[in-house]
N, C-alpha and C. Protein backbone atom coordinates (compact mmCIF):
# COMPACT_ATOMS: atom_id res chain seq x y z
N UNK A 1 182.17 55.47 207.77
CA UNK A 1 181.63 54.15 207.49
C UNK A 1 180.29 53.93 208.18
N UNK A 2 180.18 54.43 209.42
CA UNK A 2 178.92 54.29 210.15
C UNK A 2 177.78 54.94 209.39
N UNK A 3 178.05 56.08 208.77
CA UNK A 3 177.01 56.80 208.03
C UNK A 3 176.48 55.96 206.89
N UNK A 4 177.37 55.22 206.23
CA UNK A 4 176.94 54.40 205.11
C UNK A 4 176.07 53.24 205.56
N UNK A 5 176.42 52.61 206.67
CA UNK A 5 175.61 51.51 207.19
C UNK A 5 174.23 52.02 207.59
N UNK A 6 174.18 53.18 208.19
CA UNK A 6 172.90 53.77 208.56
C UNK A 6 172.08 54.06 207.30
N UNK A 7 172.72 54.53 206.25
CA UNK A 7 172.03 54.78 204.99
C UNK A 7 171.49 53.48 204.40
N UNK A 8 172.29 52.41 204.41
CA UNK A 8 171.84 51.11 203.90
C UNK A 8 170.61 50.64 204.68
N UNK A 9 170.68 50.74 206.00
CA UNK A 9 169.55 50.31 206.83
C UNK A 9 168.32 51.18 206.62
N UNK A 10 168.53 52.47 206.44
CA UNK A 10 167.42 53.38 206.19
C UNK A 10 166.71 53.08 204.88
N UNK A 11 167.49 52.86 203.83
CA UNK A 11 166.90 52.53 202.54
C UNK A 11 166.14 51.20 202.61
N UNK A 12 166.71 50.24 203.31
CA UNK A 12 166.05 48.95 203.46
C UNK A 12 164.75 49.10 204.25
N UNK A 13 164.76 49.91 205.29
CA UNK A 13 163.55 50.12 206.10
C UNK A 13 162.43 50.77 205.29
N UNK A 14 162.78 51.64 204.36
CA UNK A 14 161.77 52.30 203.54
C UNK A 14 161.18 51.33 202.51
N UNK A 15 162.03 50.55 201.86
CA UNK A 15 161.59 49.75 200.72
C UNK A 15 161.17 48.32 201.04
N UNK A 16 161.63 47.74 202.13
CA UNK A 16 161.36 46.33 202.44
C UNK A 16 159.87 45.98 202.51
N UNK A 17 159.01 46.83 203.09
CA UNK A 17 157.59 46.45 203.17
C UNK A 17 156.91 46.32 201.81
N UNK A 18 157.51 46.86 200.76
CA UNK A 18 156.89 46.86 199.44
C UNK A 18 157.44 45.77 198.53
N UNK A 19 158.27 44.90 199.05
CA UNK A 19 158.88 43.85 198.24
C UNK A 19 157.81 42.94 197.66
N UNK A 20 157.78 42.82 196.34
CA UNK A 20 156.84 41.93 195.67
C UNK A 20 155.46 42.50 195.42
N UNK A 21 155.18 43.73 195.83
CA UNK A 21 153.87 44.31 195.57
C UNK A 21 153.67 44.45 194.08
N UNK A 22 152.44 44.24 193.65
CA UNK A 22 152.10 44.41 192.25
C UNK A 22 151.29 45.69 192.09
N UNK A 23 151.51 46.36 190.99
CA UNK A 23 150.81 47.60 190.74
C UNK A 23 150.97 48.01 189.30
N UNK A 24 150.87 49.31 189.07
CA UNK A 24 150.99 49.86 187.73
C UNK A 24 152.28 50.65 187.67
N UNK A 25 153.13 50.33 186.70
CA UNK A 25 154.38 51.06 186.52
C UNK A 25 154.16 52.41 185.89
N UNK A 26 155.21 53.18 185.72
CA UNK A 26 155.11 54.51 185.13
C UNK A 26 154.62 54.46 183.69
N UNK A 27 154.82 53.33 183.02
CA UNK A 27 154.37 53.19 181.64
C UNK A 27 152.91 52.75 181.54
N UNK A 28 152.24 52.56 182.68
CA UNK A 28 150.83 52.19 182.71
C UNK A 28 150.58 50.69 182.65
N UNK A 29 151.61 49.89 182.54
CA UNK A 29 151.47 48.44 182.48
C UNK A 29 151.60 47.83 183.87
N UNK A 30 151.05 46.63 184.02
CA UNK A 30 151.15 45.93 185.31
C UNK A 30 152.61 45.66 185.62
N UNK A 31 152.99 45.94 186.83
CA UNK A 31 154.39 45.85 187.22
C UNK A 31 154.50 45.35 188.65
N UNK A 32 155.66 44.80 188.98
CA UNK A 32 155.95 44.36 190.35
C UNK A 32 157.05 45.24 190.90
N UNK A 33 156.94 45.59 192.17
CA UNK A 33 157.98 46.41 192.80
C UNK A 33 159.32 45.68 192.72
N UNK A 34 160.33 46.31 192.13
CA UNK A 34 161.63 45.64 192.03
C UNK A 34 162.24 45.38 193.41
N UNK A 35 163.17 44.45 193.45
CA UNK A 35 163.80 44.08 194.71
C UNK A 35 164.89 45.06 195.14
N UNK A 36 165.08 46.10 194.38
CA UNK A 36 166.09 47.09 194.72
C UNK A 36 165.79 47.69 196.09
N UNK A 37 166.76 47.68 196.97
CA UNK A 37 166.69 48.25 198.32
C UNK A 37 165.76 47.52 199.27
N UNK A 38 165.23 46.36 198.91
CA UNK A 38 164.30 45.66 199.80
C UNK A 38 165.01 44.75 200.79
N UNK A 39 166.29 44.51 200.58
CA UNK A 39 167.09 43.75 201.55
C UNK A 39 168.36 44.55 201.83
N UNK A 40 168.98 44.27 202.94
CA UNK A 40 170.21 44.98 203.29
C UNK A 40 171.26 44.79 202.20
N UNK A 41 171.37 43.55 201.70
CA UNK A 41 172.38 43.27 200.68
C UNK A 41 172.12 44.04 199.39
N UNK A 42 170.87 44.09 198.93
CA UNK A 42 170.58 44.82 197.69
C UNK A 42 170.79 46.32 197.89
N UNK A 43 170.47 46.84 199.08
CA UNK A 43 170.75 48.25 199.37
C UNK A 43 172.25 48.53 199.31
N UNK A 44 173.01 47.66 199.93
CA UNK A 44 174.46 47.84 199.96
C UNK A 44 175.03 47.76 198.54
N UNK A 45 174.55 46.82 197.76
CA UNK A 45 175.03 46.65 196.40
C UNK A 45 174.73 47.86 195.52
N UNK A 46 173.48 48.33 195.53
CA UNK A 46 173.10 49.46 194.68
C UNK A 46 173.78 50.75 195.13
N UNK A 47 173.89 50.95 196.43
CA UNK A 47 174.53 52.17 196.90
C UNK A 47 176.04 52.12 196.70
N UNK A 48 176.63 50.92 196.67
CA UNK A 48 178.05 50.81 196.33
C UNK A 48 178.28 51.30 194.91
N UNK A 49 177.43 50.86 193.98
CA UNK A 49 177.59 51.30 192.60
C UNK A 49 177.25 52.78 192.44
N UNK A 50 176.43 53.31 193.32
CA UNK A 50 176.14 54.75 193.29
C UNK A 50 177.39 55.56 193.61
N UNK A 51 178.30 55.00 194.39
CA UNK A 51 179.54 55.69 194.69
C UNK A 51 180.34 56.00 193.43
N UNK A 52 180.17 55.16 192.41
CA UNK A 52 180.88 55.32 191.15
C UNK A 52 179.98 55.88 190.06
N UNK A 53 178.82 56.41 190.47
CA UNK A 53 177.83 56.99 189.55
C UNK A 53 177.33 55.97 188.54
N UNK A 54 177.24 54.71 188.92
CA UNK A 54 176.78 53.66 188.01
C UNK A 54 175.42 53.10 188.41
N UNK A 55 174.73 53.77 189.31
CA UNK A 55 173.41 53.35 189.74
C UNK A 55 172.44 54.50 189.45
N UNK A 56 171.26 54.16 189.02
CA UNK A 56 170.29 55.17 188.60
C UNK A 56 169.35 55.56 189.73
N UNK A 57 168.97 56.82 189.75
CA UNK A 57 167.99 57.27 190.74
C UNK A 57 166.60 56.74 190.40
N UNK A 58 166.39 56.27 189.19
CA UNK A 58 165.12 55.66 188.81
C UNK A 58 164.82 54.41 189.64
N UNK A 59 165.86 53.80 190.20
CA UNK A 59 165.67 52.60 191.02
C UNK A 59 164.93 52.91 192.31
N UNK A 60 164.81 54.18 192.66
CA UNK A 60 164.14 54.55 193.91
C UNK A 60 162.64 54.72 193.73
N UNK A 61 162.13 54.54 192.54
CA UNK A 61 160.70 54.73 192.27
C UNK A 61 159.88 53.56 192.79
N UNK A 62 158.67 53.88 193.26
CA UNK A 62 157.71 52.87 193.67
C UNK A 62 156.72 52.65 192.54
N UNK A 63 156.16 51.44 192.44
CA UNK A 63 155.05 51.24 191.53
C UNK A 63 153.81 51.80 192.19
N UNK A 64 152.81 52.20 191.38
CA UNK A 64 151.55 52.69 191.90
C UNK A 64 150.67 51.48 192.20
N UNK A 65 150.27 51.34 193.43
CA UNK A 65 149.48 50.19 193.85
C UNK A 65 148.01 50.45 193.60
N UNK A 66 147.33 49.43 193.15
CA UNK A 66 145.89 49.52 192.91
C UNK A 66 145.18 48.55 193.85
N UNK A 67 144.26 49.09 194.63
CA UNK A 67 143.50 48.27 195.57
C UNK A 67 142.01 48.48 195.31
N UNK A 68 141.22 47.51 195.67
CA UNK A 68 139.76 47.63 195.57
C UNK A 68 139.23 48.22 196.88
N UNK A 69 138.37 49.22 196.77
CA UNK A 69 137.76 49.79 197.98
C UNK A 69 136.48 49.01 198.29
N UNK A 70 135.71 49.49 199.26
CA UNK A 70 134.50 48.80 199.69
C UNK A 70 133.46 48.70 198.58
N UNK A 71 133.50 49.63 197.62
CA UNK A 71 132.55 49.63 196.51
C UNK A 71 133.08 48.88 195.30
N UNK A 72 134.17 48.14 195.48
CA UNK A 72 134.82 47.36 194.43
C UNK A 72 135.36 48.23 193.30
N UNK A 73 135.71 49.46 193.62
CA UNK A 73 136.32 50.36 192.65
C UNK A 73 137.83 50.32 192.82
N UNK A 74 138.54 50.49 191.72
CA UNK A 74 140.00 50.54 191.79
C UNK A 74 140.44 51.88 192.37
N UNK A 75 141.31 51.81 193.35
CA UNK A 75 141.86 53.01 193.97
C UNK A 75 143.37 52.96 193.82
N UNK A 76 143.94 53.99 193.19
CA UNK A 76 145.40 54.04 193.03
C UNK A 76 146.02 54.66 194.26
N UNK A 77 147.03 53.99 194.79
CA UNK A 77 147.70 54.47 195.98
C UNK A 77 149.15 54.79 195.62
N UNK A 78 149.49 56.05 195.78
CA UNK A 78 150.85 56.50 195.51
C UNK A 78 151.59 56.64 196.84
N UNK A 79 152.86 56.38 196.83
CA UNK A 79 153.66 56.47 198.05
C UNK A 79 154.68 57.60 197.89
N UNK A 80 154.15 58.82 197.79
CA UNK A 80 155.00 59.97 197.52
C UNK A 80 156.01 60.26 198.63
N UNK A 81 155.59 60.15 199.86
CA UNK A 81 156.47 60.47 200.97
C UNK A 81 157.65 59.50 201.05
N UNK A 82 157.36 58.20 200.95
CA UNK A 82 158.43 57.20 200.98
C UNK A 82 159.36 57.36 199.79
N UNK A 83 158.78 57.63 198.63
CA UNK A 83 159.59 57.81 197.43
C UNK A 83 160.48 59.04 197.57
N UNK A 84 159.95 60.12 198.15
CA UNK A 84 160.74 61.33 198.36
C UNK A 84 161.94 61.05 199.26
N UNK A 85 161.71 60.37 200.39
CA UNK A 85 162.81 60.09 201.30
C UNK A 85 163.83 59.14 200.68
N UNK A 86 163.36 58.15 199.93
CA UNK A 86 164.28 57.25 199.24
C UNK A 86 165.14 58.00 198.22
N UNK A 87 164.52 58.89 197.44
CA UNK A 87 165.27 59.68 196.46
C UNK A 87 166.22 60.64 197.15
N UNK A 88 165.79 61.23 198.24
CA UNK A 88 166.65 62.19 198.95
C UNK A 88 167.88 61.48 199.54
N UNK A 89 167.69 60.32 200.12
CA UNK A 89 168.82 59.58 200.69
C UNK A 89 169.79 59.15 199.59
N UNK A 90 169.24 58.63 198.50
CA UNK A 90 170.08 58.21 197.39
C UNK A 90 170.80 59.41 196.77
N UNK A 91 170.06 60.48 196.53
CA UNK A 91 170.65 61.67 195.92
C UNK A 91 171.70 62.31 196.81
N UNK A 92 171.47 62.31 198.11
CA UNK A 92 172.46 62.87 199.03
C UNK A 92 173.77 62.12 198.98
N UNK A 93 173.69 60.81 198.96
CA UNK A 93 174.91 60.00 198.88
C UNK A 93 175.61 60.21 197.53
N UNK A 94 174.83 60.17 196.48
CA UNK A 94 175.42 60.27 195.15
C UNK A 94 176.03 61.65 194.90
N UNK A 95 175.32 62.70 195.26
CA UNK A 95 175.84 64.05 195.04
C UNK A 95 177.04 64.36 195.91
N UNK A 96 177.11 63.73 197.07
CA UNK A 96 178.22 63.96 197.97
C UNK A 96 179.49 63.26 197.47
N UNK A 97 179.35 62.04 196.94
CA UNK A 97 180.52 61.24 196.63
C UNK A 97 180.92 61.20 195.16
N UNK A 98 179.98 61.33 194.24
CA UNK A 98 180.32 61.22 192.83
C UNK A 98 181.33 62.27 192.35
N UNK A 99 181.17 63.53 192.69
CA UNK A 99 182.17 64.49 192.20
C UNK A 99 183.60 64.17 192.67
N UNK A 100 183.73 63.63 193.88
CA UNK A 100 185.08 63.31 194.37
C UNK A 100 185.66 62.10 193.64
N UNK A 101 184.82 61.20 193.18
CA UNK A 101 185.29 60.03 192.45
C UNK A 101 185.72 60.42 191.04
N UNK A 102 184.99 61.34 190.44
CA UNK A 102 185.27 61.69 189.05
C UNK A 102 186.47 62.60 188.88
N UNK A 103 186.91 63.25 189.93
CA UNK A 103 188.05 64.18 189.82
C UNK A 103 189.37 63.46 189.77
């Protein structure tokens, strides 16, 4: 049980700073970072459903943020490292527990 609470807190720590950020989604349209994993409760809820293989790993994606630099040019900022750790934590939990649930 302790491991799961640590996982919930870890996912929240990764995603909470990006709550409400606006950027460009994978489809190229303007998008807002979803609230998935940005609070302890949402982390707990999504990871609970992951135990039953009912939560998607797509929920761990970040939107691409666009900021203006000093020359007023758009600069796309990707958060590959945070996204990798979020996917790894989610995938580790899901791969560990889903096969035991389905048997």
